[in-house]
Amino acid sequence: MRRDMELLRGAIDMHAHTAPALFPRPITDHDLGSYALDYGMRGFVLKDHDSATFHRAANLKRSMPGIDPIGAIVLNRSVGGINPYVVEAALQYGAKVIWMPSNHSKHHDDYFGIPDYPQLGRMQRQLPGPGVTVLDADGQLTEDAKTVIRLVADAGACLCTGHLNLDETRLVLKEANRVGLEKVLVTHVNWALTKYDLDIQRELVDAGAYLEIVAITCTSPTFYEQTPAELAPVIDAHGGEKLILSSDLGQGSGPPHPEGIRMALYSLLDEGVDYSALEKMTKENPAYLTGLG
């Protein structure tokens, strides 16, 4: 079997956008399950910017027992922002991944000038609202943010930093270390508003974080930001340790999620990235962070 295809066997995509959604998503939960089975993948985390996915994951698991869909929630305005009660319920329902705010975050709004994506259009308008932040007026973590971090730690789940800025991310990591939260994933460190150079990446890893590389930046014409040749040295510098490779796909302009990951894997292998590093990024590290073992 080709090495890119072998890397997908048993892989877990921790960042998969699907329909139904308030953004255009041509691939449904069930479509993704079928694609994942075709590629021999183990599972994926369903992500929706505006609603929880743990119910959808449970229903998909019942209808497609050969795959492990994983439920999650993003702490955007549509679920109450940094709301410990929402997080508590999500974790009790079985969510394994909690994202800090994404397109509703203050940092996202400051960076793009809109609480949405310049590349994507919603099908309906949203009410305006303040950008969501984990910080109080003094620049420290709010009590709600601290409670959310503790709840995720107590549940043994994974906290993703979403579209928080670097200062927010640093404070979240500090609090995570204080309360014993070992599964913190810094979201797409190779895309746009959370794109960090190698020195910052190393700082975050030293502080206990895992880092997410997303395939969309190499495989989608709409979100294209770098070539595999530019991404390969970043992976080489970490040796695959504390890194994961997700798709962040689900847009009509890009390939289906497993194919997008395969495209990135093929190109990275062609650039000489070590197979064992990519195996950690697609299988071992995502399995740990999602609790699949």
C-alpha atoms as a PDB file:
ATOM      1  CA  MET A   1       0.000   0.000   0.000  1.00  0.00           C
ATOM      2  CA  ARG A   2       1.180   3.542  -0.711  1.00  0.00           C
ATOM      3  CA  ARG A   3       2.590   5.295   2.326  1.00  0.00           C
ATOM      4  CA  ASP A   4       0.109   8.181   2.197  1.00  0.00           C
ATOM      5  CA  MET A   5      -2.805   5.750   2.212  1.00  0.00           C
ATOM      6  CA  GLU A   6      -1.233   3.685   4.979  1.00  0.00           C
ATOM      7  CA  LEU A   7      -0.955   6.812   7.139  1.00  0.00           C
ATOM      8  CA  LEU A   8      -4.704   7.331   6.778  1.00  0.00           C
ATOM      9  CA  ARG A   9      -5.517   3.828   8.013  1.00  0.00           C
ATOM     10  CA  GLY A  10      -6.499   4.361  11.655  1.00  0.00           C
ATOM     11  CA  ALA A  11      -6.086   8.137  11.420  1.00  0.00           C
ATOM     12  CA  ILE A  12      -8.267  10.636  13.325  1.00  0.00           C
ATOM     13  CA  ASP A  13      -9.172  14.057  11.924  1.00  0.00           C
ATOM     14  CA  MET A  14      -9.641  16.446  14.856  1.00  0.00           C
ATOM     15  CA  HIS A  15     -11.072  19.341  12.827  1.00  0.00           C
ATOM     16  CA  ALA A  16     -13.851  18.352  10.415  1.00  0.00           C
ATOM     17  CA  HIS A  17     -16.572  20.765   9.274  1.00  0.00           C
ATOM     18  CA  THR A  18     -19.770  19.152   7.993  1.00  0.00           C
ATOM     19  CA  ALA A  19     -23.423  19.861   7.285  1.00  0.00           C
ATOM     20  CA  PRO A  20     -25.817  20.783   8.763  1.00  0.00           C
ATOM     21  CA  ALA A  21     -24.204  24.153   9.391  1.00  0.00           C
ATOM     22  CA  LEU A  22     -24.896  27.858   9.046  1.00  0.00           C
ATOM     23  CA  PHE A  23     -22.048  28.092   6.545  1.00  0.00           C
ATOM     24  CA  PRO A  24     -22.234  26.280   3.194  1.00  0.00           C
ATOM     25  CA  ARG A  25     -21.026  22.712   3.833  1.00  0.00           C
ATOM     26  CA  PRO A  26     -21.569  20.305   0.926  1.00  0.00           C
ATOM     27  CA  ILE A  27     -20.438  17.250   2.929  1.00  0.00           C
ATOM     28  CA  THR A  28     -22.816  15.907   5.581  1.00  0.00           C
ATOM     29  CA  ASP A  29     -21.897  13.968   8.720  1.00  0.00           C
ATOM     30  CA  HIS A  30     -22.938  10.766   6.976  1.00  0.00           C
ATOM     31  CA  ASP A  31     -20.955  11.645   3.838  1.00  0.00           C
ATOM     32  CA  LEU A  32     -17.839  12.125   5.932  1.00  0.00           C
ATOM     33  CA  GLY A  33     -18.429   8.818   7.692  1.00  0.00           C
ATOM     34  CA  SER A  34     -18.586   7.069   4.330  1.00  0.00           C
ATOM     35  CA  TYR A  35     -15.447   8.800   3.069  1.00  0.00           C
ATOM     36  CA  ALA A  36     -13.598   7.965   6.280  1.00  0.00           C
ATOM     37  CA  LEU A  37     -14.556   4.296   6.037  1.00  0.00           C
ATOM     38  CA  ASP A  38     -13.404   4.201   2.407  1.00  0.00           C
ATOM     39  CA  TYR A  39      -9.988   5.530   3.454  1.00  0.00           C
ATOM     40  CA  GLY A  40      -9.736   3.258   6.482  1.00  0.00           C
ATOM     41  CA  MET A  41      -9.763   6.097   8.990  1.00  0.00           C
ATOM     42  CA  ARG A  42     -10.596   5.537  12.642  1.00  0.00           C
ATOM     43  CA  GLY A  43     -12.644   8.647  13.322  1.00  0.00           C
ATOM     44  CA  PHE A  44     -13.019  12.421  13.297  1.00  0.00           C
ATOM     45  CA  VAL A  45     -14.156  15.322  15.467  1.00  0.00           C
ATOM     46  CA  LEU A  46     -17.279  17.021  14.127  1.00  0.00           C
ATOM     47  CA  LYS A  47     -16.962  20.798  14.362  1.00  0.00           C
ATOM     48  CA  ASP A  48     -19.754  23.349  14.017  1.00  0.00           C
ATOM     49  CA  HIS A  49     -19.053  27.026  14.739  1.00  0.00           C
ATOM     50  CA  ASP A  50     -22.604  27.616  15.945  1.00  0.00           C
ATOM     51  CA  SER A  51     -23.896  24.472  17.633  1.00  0.00           C
ATOM     52  CA  ALA A  52     -22.886  21.370  19.556  1.00  0.00           C
ATOM     53  CA  THR A  53     -22.109  18.164  17.663  1.00  0.00           C
ATOM     54  CA  PHE A  54     -22.241  15.522  20.409  1.00  0.00           C
ATOM     55  CA  HIS A  55     -25.809  14.512  19.494  1.00  0.00           C
ATOM     56  CA  ARG A  56     -24.840  14.233  15.850  1.00  0.00           C
ATOM     57  CA  ALA A  57     -21.775  12.158  16.699  1.00  0.00           C
ATOM     58  CA  ALA A  58     -23.844   9.742  18.790  1.00  0.00           C
ATOM     59  CA  ASN A  59     -26.416   9.299  16.034  1.00  0.00           C
ATOM     60  CA  LEU A  60     -23.758   8.768  13.381  1.00  0.00           C
ATOM     61  CA  LYS A  61     -22.001   6.180  15.546  1.00  0.00           C
ATOM     62  CA  ARG A  62     -25.217   4.186  15.799  1.00  0.00           C
ATOM     63  CA  SER A  63     -25.777   4.232  12.038  1.00  0.00           C
ATOM     64  CA  MET A  64     -22.109   3.631  11.097  1.00  0.00           C
ATOM     65  CA  PRO A  65     -20.551   1.400  13.761  1.00  0.00           C
ATOM     66  CA  GLY A  66     -17.261   1.075  11.877  1.00  0.00           C
ATOM     67  CA  ILE A  67     -16.230   4.668  12.571  1.00  0.00           C
ATOM     68  CA  ASP A  68     -15.685   6.775  15.707  1.00  0.00           C
ATOM     69  CA  PRO A  69     -17.327  10.207  15.342  1.00  0.00           C
ATOM     70  CA  ILE A  70     -16.398  12.497  18.239  1.00  0.00           C
ATOM     71  CA  GLY A  71     -18.666  15.220  19.610  1.00  0.00           C
ATOM     72  CA  ALA A  72     -17.565  18.746  20.440  1.00  0.00           C
ATOM     73  CA  ILE A  73     -18.702  22.305  21.050  1.00  0.00           C
ATOM     74  CA  VAL A  74     -17.286  25.728  20.144  1.00  0.00           C
ATOM     75  CA  LEU A  75     -17.775  28.496  22.726  1.00  0.00           C
ATOM     76  CA  ASN A  76     -19.101  31.114  20.327  1.00  0.00           C
ATOM     77  CA  ARG A  77     -21.920  33.567  21.074  1.00  0.00           C
ATOM     78  CA  SER A  78     -24.493  31.099  19.730  1.00  0.00           C
ATOM     79  CA  VAL A  79     -23.939  28.819  22.740  1.00  0.00           C
ATOM     80  CA  GLY A  80     -23.404  31.586  25.286  1.00  0.00           C
ATOM     81  CA  GLY A  81     -19.681  32.233  24.838  1.00  0.00           C
ATOM     82  CA  ILE A  82     -17.434  31.222  27.744  1.00  0.00           C
ATOM     83  CA  ASN A  83     -20.290  29.539  29.595  1.00  0.00           C
ATOM     84  CA  PRO A  84     -19.356  26.892  32.191  1.00  0.00           C
ATOM     85  CA  TYR A  85     -22.913  25.533  32.305  1.00  0.00           C
ATOM     86  CA  VAL A  86     -22.866  24.822  28.588  1.00  0.00           C
ATOM     87  CA  VAL A  87     -19.461  23.159  28.907  1.00  0.00           C
ATOM     88  CA  GLU A  88     -20.579  21.078  31.875  1.00  0.00           C
ATOM     89  CA  ALA A  89     -23.580  19.762  29.940  1.00  0.00           C
ATOM     90  CA  ALA A  90     -21.527  19.126  26.796  1.00  0.00           C
ATOM     91  CA  LEU A  91     -18.996  17.060  28.728  1.00  0.00           C
ATOM     92  CA  GLN A  92     -21.739  15.096  30.477  1.00  0.00           C
ATOM     93  CA  TYR A  93     -23.288  14.383  27.073  1.00  0.00           C
ATOM     94  CA  GLY A  94     -19.941  12.915  26.025  1.00  0.00           C
ATOM     95  CA  ALA A  95     -18.187  15.726  24.185  1.00  0.00           C
ATOM     96  CA  LYS A  96     -14.450  15.017  24.088  1.00  0.00           C
ATOM     97  CA  VAL A  97     -13.330  18.331  22.590  1.00  0.00           C
ATOM     98  CA  ILE A  98     -14.129  21.861  23.773  1.00  0.00           C
ATOM     99  CA  TRP A  99     -13.089  24.726  21.509  1.00  0.00           C
ATOM    100  CA  MET A 100     -12.565  28.235  22.770  1.00  0.00           C
ATOM    101  CA  PRO A 101     -14.399  30.782  20.543  1.00  0.00           C
ATOM    102  CA  SER A 102     -13.619  30.771  16.838  1.00  0.00           C
ATOM    103  CA  ASN A 103     -15.146  33.332  14.464  1.00  0.00           C
ATOM    104  CA  HIS A 104     -16.953  35.070  17.357  1.00  0.00           C
ATOM    105  CA  SER A 105     -13.725  35.627  19.285  1.00  0.00           C
ATOM    106  CA  LYS A 106     -12.531  39.183  19.845  1.00  0.00           C
ATOM    107  CA  HIS A 107      -9.230  38.317  18.181  1.00  0.00           C
ATOM    108  CA  HIS A 108     -10.976  37.021  15.057  1.00  0.00           C
ATOM    109  CA  ASP A 109     -13.079  40.179  14.816  1.00  0.00           C
ATOM    110  CA  ASP A 110     -10.030  42.397  15.336  1.00  0.00           C
ATOM    111  CA  TYR A 111      -7.988  40.457  12.749  1.00  0.00           C
ATOM    112  CA  PHE A 112     -10.543  40.169   9.943  1.00  0.00           C
ATOM    113  CA  GLY A 113     -12.765  43.121  10.812  1.00  0.00           C
ATOM    114  CA  ILE A 114     -15.842  40.881  10.776  1.00  0.00           C
ATOM    115  CA  PRO A 115     -17.132  38.144  13.126  1.00  0.00           C
ATOM    116  CA  ASP A 116     -17.150  35.692  10.214  1.00  0.00           C
ATOM    117  CA  TYR A 117     -14.866  34.555   7.403  1.00  0.00           C
ATOM    118  CA  PRO A 118     -13.921  36.710   4.419  1.00  0.00           C
ATOM    119  CA  GLN A 119     -13.744  33.449   2.428  1.00  0.00           C
ATOM    120  CA  LEU A 120     -17.183  32.090   3.388  1.00  0.00           C
ATOM    121  CA  GLY A 121     -20.688  33.497   3.411  1.00  0.00           C
ATOM    122  CA  ARG A 122     -23.425  32.636   5.858  1.00  0.00           C
ATOM    123  CA  MET A 123     -26.798  31.740   4.477  1.00  0.00           C
ATOM    124  CA  GLN A 124     -28.514  34.047   7.007  1.00  0.00           C
ATOM    125  CA  ARG A 125     -27.542  37.168   8.899  1.00  0.00           C
ATOM    126  CA  GLN A 126     -26.519  37.085  12.547  1.00  0.00           C
ATOM    127  CA  LEU A 127     -27.264  39.491  15.349  1.00  0.00           C
ATOM    128  CA  PRO A 128     -24.260  41.700  16.112  1.00  0.00           C
ATOM    129  CA  GLY A 129     -22.459  41.131  19.378  1.00  0.00           C
ATOM    130  CA  PRO A 130     -19.236  41.737  21.286  1.00  0.00           C
ATOM    131  CA  GLY A 131     -16.188  39.644  20.491  1.00  0.00           C
ATOM    132  CA  VAL A 132     -15.816  36.767  22.937  1.00  0.00           C
ATOM    133  CA  THR A 133     -12.681  36.785  25.094  1.00  0.00           C
ATOM    134  CA  VAL A 134     -11.386  34.835  28.073  1.00  0.00           C
ATOM    135  CA  LEU A 135      -9.947  38.001  29.601  1.00  0.00           C
ATOM    136  CA  ASP A 136     -11.383  40.484  32.084  1.00  0.00           C
ATOM    137  CA  ALA A 137     -10.830  44.238  32.042  1.00  0.00           C
ATOM    138  CA  ASP A 138      -7.438  43.771  33.747  1.00  0.00           C
ATOM    139  CA  GLY A 139      -6.208  41.330  31.122  1.00  0.00           C
ATOM    140  CA  GLN A 140      -6.514  38.278  33.370  1.00  0.00           C
ATOM    141  CA  LEU A 141      -8.572  35.137  32.881  1.00  0.00           C
ATOM    142  CA  THR A 142     -12.198  35.502  33.874  1.00  0.00           C
ATOM    143  CA  GLU A 143     -13.611  33.225  36.541  1.00  0.00           C
ATOM    144  CA  ASP A 144     -15.809  31.610  33.887  1.00  0.00           C
ATOM    145  CA  ALA A 145     -12.750  30.827  31.762  1.00  0.00           C
ATOM    146  CA  LYS A 146     -11.003  29.284  34.770  1.00  0.00           C
ATOM    147  CA  THR A 147     -14.069  27.174  35.521  1.00  0.00           C
ATOM    148  CA  VAL A 148     -14.256  25.961  31.922  1.00  0.00           C
ATOM    149  CA  ILE A 149     -10.596  24.909  32.034  1.00  0.00           C
ATOM    150  CA  ARG A 150     -11.143  23.042  35.300  1.00  0.00           C
ATOM    151  CA  LEU A 151     -14.230  21.279  33.966  1.00  0.00           C
ATOM    152  CA  VAL A 152     -12.332  20.072  30.892  1.00  0.00           C
ATOM    153  CA  ALA A 153      -9.463  18.895  33.102  1.00  0.00           C
ATOM    154  CA  ASP A 154     -11.806  17.001  35.439  1.00  0.00           C
ATOM    155  CA  ALA A 155     -13.434  15.270  32.460  1.00  0.00           C
ATOM    156  CA  GLY A 156     -10.110  14.283  30.890  1.00  0.00           C
ATOM    157  CA  ALA A 157     -11.224  16.002  27.681  1.00  0.00           C
ATOM    158  CA  CYS A 158      -9.290  18.172  25.232  1.00  0.00           C
ATOM    159  CA  LEU A 159      -9.380  21.969  25.224  1.00  0.00           C
ATOM    160  CA  CYS A 160      -8.647  23.636  21.879  1.00  0.00           C
ATOM    161  CA  THR A 161      -7.662  27.295  21.860  1.00  0.00           C
ATOM    162  CA  GLY A 162      -9.761  28.222  18.809  1.00  0.00           C
ATOM    163  CA  HIS A 163      -9.196  31.794  17.661  1.00  0.00           C
ATOM    164  CA  LEU A 164      -7.832  33.223  20.887  1.00  0.00           C
ATOM    165  CA  ASN A 165      -4.846  35.530  20.534  1.00  0.00           C
ATOM    166  CA  LEU A 166      -1.381  34.604  21.763  1.00  0.00           C
ATOM    167  CA  ASP A 167      -1.688  36.372  25.124  1.00  0.00           C
ATOM    168  CA  GLU A 168      -4.989  34.627  25.800  1.00  0.00           C
ATOM    169  CA  THR A 169      -3.505  31.282  24.783  1.00  0.00           C
ATOM    170  CA  ARG A 170      -0.544  31.746  27.107  1.00  0.00           C
ATOM    171  CA  LEU A 171      -2.838  32.450  30.060  1.00  0.00           C
ATOM    172  CA  VAL A 172      -5.049  29.464  29.223  1.00  0.00           C
ATOM    173  CA  LEU A 173      -1.972  27.223  29.181  1.00  0.00           C
ATOM    174  CA  LYS A 174      -0.796  28.625  32.515  1.00  0.00           C
ATOM    175  CA  GLU A 175      -4.168  27.887  34.110  1.00  0.00           C
ATOM    176  CA  ALA A 176      -4.318  24.474  32.449  1.00  0.00           C
ATOM    177  CA  ASN A 177      -1.007  23.576  34.034  1.00  0.00           C
ATOM    178  CA  ARG A 178      -2.211  24.827  37.407  1.00  0.00           C
ATOM    179  CA  VAL A 179      -5.301  22.594  37.404  1.00  0.00           C
ATOM    180  CA  GLY A 180      -3.688  19.577  35.720  1.00  0.00           C
ATOM    181  CA  LEU A 181      -5.246  19.825  32.253  1.00  0.00           C
ATOM    182  CA  GLU A 182      -2.832  17.858  30.051  1.00  0.00           C
ATOM    183  CA  LYS A 183      -4.766  17.964  26.767  1.00  0.00           C
ATOM    184  CA  VAL A 184      -4.516  21.462  25.348  1.00  0.00           C
ATOM    185  CA  LEU A 185      -4.364  21.829  21.571  1.00  0.00           C
ATOM    186  CA  VAL A 186      -3.378  25.156  20.029  1.00  0.00           C
ATOM    187  CA  THR A 187      -5.611  25.466  16.982  1.00  0.00           C
ATOM    188  CA  HIS A 188      -4.187  25.747  13.435  1.00  0.00           C
ATOM    189  CA  VAL A 189      -0.754  27.208  14.130  1.00  0.00           C
ATOM    190  CA  ASN A 190      -0.208  27.373  10.341  1.00  0.00           C
ATOM    191  CA  TRP A 191      -3.296  29.420   9.411  1.00  0.00           C
ATOM    192  CA  ALA A 192      -3.918  33.165   9.362  1.00  0.00           C
ATOM    193  CA  LEU A 193      -4.761  34.715  12.709  1.00  0.00           C
ATOM    194  CA  THR A 194      -3.130  31.945  14.811  1.00  0.00           C
ATOM    195  CA  LYS A 195      -0.098  31.377  12.582  1.00  0.00           C
ATOM    196  CA  TYR A 196       3.001  31.248  14.791  1.00  0.00           C
ATOM    197  CA  ASP A 197       6.679  31.085  13.937  1.00  0.00           C
ATOM    198  CA  LEU A 198       8.844  28.243  15.186  1.00  0.00           C
ATOM    199  CA  ASP A 199      10.071  30.071  18.298  1.00  0.00           C
ATOM    200  CA  ILE A 200       6.498  30.699  19.484  1.00  0.00           C
ATOM    201  CA  GLN A 201       5.521  27.132  18.627  1.00  0.00           C
ATOM    202  CA  ARG A 202       8.383  25.823  20.764  1.00  0.00           C
ATOM    203  CA  GLU A 203       7.378  28.128  23.609  1.00  0.00           C
ATOM    204  CA  LEU A 204       3.829  26.759  23.531  1.00  0.00           C
ATOM    205  CA  VAL A 205       5.026  23.152  23.414  1.00  0.00           C
ATOM    206  CA  ASP A 206       7.372  23.815  26.338  1.00  0.00           C
ATOM    207  CA  ALA A 207       4.326  25.157  28.212  1.00  0.00           C
ATOM    208  CA  GLY A 208       2.573  21.825  27.693  1.00  0.00           C
ATOM    209  CA  ALA A 209       0.538  22.381  24.533  1.00  0.00           C
ATOM    210  CA  TYR A 210       0.004  20.234  21.493  1.00  0.00           C
ATOM    211  CA  LEU A 211      -0.025  22.073  18.165  1.00  0.00           C
ATOM    212  CA  GLU A 212      -2.438  21.561  15.287  1.00  0.00           C
ATOM    213  CA  ILE A 213      -1.265  21.697  11.670  1.00  0.00           C
ATOM    214  CA  VAL A 214      -4.189  21.900   9.230  1.00  0.00           C
ATOM    215  CA  ALA A 215      -4.152  20.503   5.707  1.00  0.00           C
ATOM    216  CA  ILE A 216      -6.517  23.168   4.377  1.00  0.00           C
ATOM    217  CA  THR A 217      -3.678  25.681   4.015  1.00  0.00           C
ATOM    218  CA  CYS A 218      -2.002  23.458   1.410  1.00  0.00           C
ATOM    219  CA  THR A 219      -5.024  21.831  -0.234  1.00  0.00           C
ATOM    220  CA  SER A 220      -7.806  24.438  -0.541  1.00  0.00           C
ATOM    221  CA  PRO A 221      -7.619  27.212  -3.132  1.00  0.00           C
ATOM    222  CA  THR A 222      -9.778  29.412  -0.915  1.00  0.00           C
ATOM    223  CA  PHE A 223      -7.660  29.061   2.243  1.00  0.00           C
ATOM    224  CA  TYR A 224      -4.278  28.450   0.607  1.00  0.00           C
ATOM    225  CA  GLU A 225      -1.371  29.883   2.621  1.00  0.00           C
ATOM    226  CA  GLN A 226       1.740  27.752   2.139  1.00  0.00           C
ATOM    227  CA  THR A 227       3.339  25.069   0.060  1.00  0.00           C
ATOM    228  CA  PRO A 228       4.176  21.648   1.517  1.00  0.00           C
ATOM    229  CA  ALA A 229       7.826  22.613   1.040  1.00  0.00           C
ATOM    230  CA  GLU A 230       7.289  25.516   3.450  1.00  0.00           C
ATOM    231  CA  LEU A 231       5.415  23.365   5.944  1.00  0.00           C
ATOM    232  CA  ALA A 232       7.834  20.405   5.943  1.00  0.00           C
ATOM    233  CA  PRO A 233      10.645  22.127   7.932  1.00  0.00           C
ATOM    234  CA  VAL A 234       8.175  23.044  10.665  1.00  0.00           C
ATOM    235  CA  ILE A 235       7.202  19.398  11.116  1.00  0.00           C
ATOM    236  CA  ASP A 236      10.835  18.309  10.890  1.00  0.00           C
ATOM    237  CA  ALA A 237      11.782  20.766  13.635  1.00  0.00           C
ATOM    238  CA  HIS A 238       9.294  19.121  16.017  1.00  0.00           C
ATOM    239  CA  GLY A 239       9.846  15.566  14.802  1.00  0.00           C
ATOM    240  CA  GLY A 240       6.099  15.042  14.989  1.00  0.00           C
ATOM    241  CA  GLU A 241       6.188  15.325  18.783  1.00  0.00           C
ATOM    242  CA  LYS A 242       3.209  17.208  20.246  1.00  0.00           C
ATOM    243  CA  LEU A 243       1.858  17.841  16.717  1.00  0.00           C
ATOM    244  CA  ILE A 244      -1.317  16.685  15.029  1.00  0.00           C
ATOM    245  CA  LEU A 245      -2.433  16.936  11.405  1.00  0.00           C
ATOM    246  CA  SER A 246      -6.115  17.831  10.921  1.00  0.00           C
ATOM    247  CA  SER A 247      -8.013  18.759   7.791  1.00  0.00           C
ATOM    248  CA  ASP A 248     -10.120  21.839   8.768  1.00  0.00           C
ATOM    249  CA  LEU A 249     -11.943  21.028   5.522  1.00  0.00           C
ATOM    250  CA  GLY A 250     -15.624  20.830   4.626  1.00  0.00           C
ATOM    251  CA  GLN A 251     -15.851  23.816   2.295  1.00  0.00           C
ATOM    252  CA  GLY A 252     -17.115  23.445  -1.253  1.00  0.00           C
ATOM    253  CA  SER A 253     -13.844  24.813  -2.642  1.00  0.00           C
ATOM    254  CA  GLY A 254     -11.735  22.026  -1.174  1.00  0.00           C
ATOM    255  CA  PRO A 255     -11.507  18.239  -1.354  1.00  0.00           C
ATOM    256  CA  PRO A 256     -13.307  15.895   1.054  1.00  0.00           C
ATOM    257  CA  HIS A 257     -11.566  15.751   4.412  1.00  0.00           C
ATOM    258  CA  PRO A 258      -9.726  12.400   4.047  1.00  0.00           C
ATOM    259  CA  GLU A 259      -8.574  13.259   0.537  1.00  0.00           C
ATOM    260  CA  GLY A 260      -7.290  16.639   1.682  1.00  0.00           C
ATOM    261  CA  ILE A 261      -5.262  14.994   4.441  1.00  0.00           C
ATOM    262  CA  ARG A 262      -3.989  12.426   1.937  1.00  0.00           C
ATOM    263  CA  MET A 263      -2.911  15.186  -0.451  1.00  0.00           C
ATOM    264  CA  ALA A 264      -0.974  16.899   2.336  1.00  0.00           C
ATOM    265  CA  LEU A 265       0.582  13.617   3.493  1.00  0.00           C
ATOM    266  CA  TYR A 266       1.675  12.658  -0.028  1.00  0.00           C
ATOM    267  CA  SER A 267       3.293  16.055  -0.561  1.00  0.00           C
ATOM    268  CA  LEU A 268       4.977  16.096   2.859  1.00  0.00           C
ATOM    269  CA  LEU A 269       6.385  12.615   2.298  1.00  0.00           C
ATOM    270  CA  ASP A 270       7.615  13.819  -1.085  1.00  0.00           C
ATOM    271  CA  GLU A 271       9.399  16.663   0.723  1.00  0.00           C
ATOM    272  CA  GLY A 272      11.190  14.098   2.886  1.00  0.00           C
ATOM    273  CA  VAL A 273       9.191  14.429   6.114  1.00  0.00           C
ATOM    274  CA  ASP A 274       9.723  11.367   8.276  1.00  0.00           C
ATOM    275  CA  TYR A 275       6.969   8.749   8.056  1.00  0.00           C
ATOM    276  CA  SER A 276       7.017   8.088  11.799  1.00  0.00           C
ATOM    277  CA  ALA A 277       6.510  11.798  12.545  1.00  0.00           C
ATOM    278  CA  LEU A 278       3.449  11.893  10.298  1.00  0.00           C
ATOM    279  CA  GLU A 279       2.164   8.697  11.902  1.00  0.00           C
ATOM    280  CA  LYS A 280       2.283  10.359  15.321  1.00  0.00           C
ATOM    281  CA  MET A 281       0.458  13.382  13.904  1.00  0.00           C
ATOM    282  CA  THR A 282      -2.352  11.414  12.270  1.00  0.00           C
ATOM    283  CA  LYS A 283      -2.823   8.505  14.681  1.00  0.00           C
ATOM    284  CA  GLU A 284      -1.029   8.445  18.023  1.00  0.00           C
ATOM    285  CA  ASN A 285      -1.395  12.065  19.164  1.00  0.00           C
ATOM    286  CA  PRO A 286      -5.032  12.531  18.017  1.00  0.00           C
ATOM    287  CA  ALA A 287      -5.979   9.238  19.679  1.00  0.00           C
ATOM    288  CA  TYR A 288      -4.538  10.476  22.965  1.00  0.00           C
ATOM    289  CA  LEU A 289      -6.185  13.903  22.764  1.00  0.00           C
ATOM    290  CA  THR A 290      -9.623  12.482  21.906  1.00  0.00           C
ATOM    291  CA  GLY A 291      -9.459   9.747  24.521  1.00  0.00           C
ATOM    292  CA  LEU A 292      -9.666   6.925  21.977  1.00  0.00           C
ATOM    293  CA  GLY A 293      -6.418   5.458  23.317  1.00  0.00           C
END
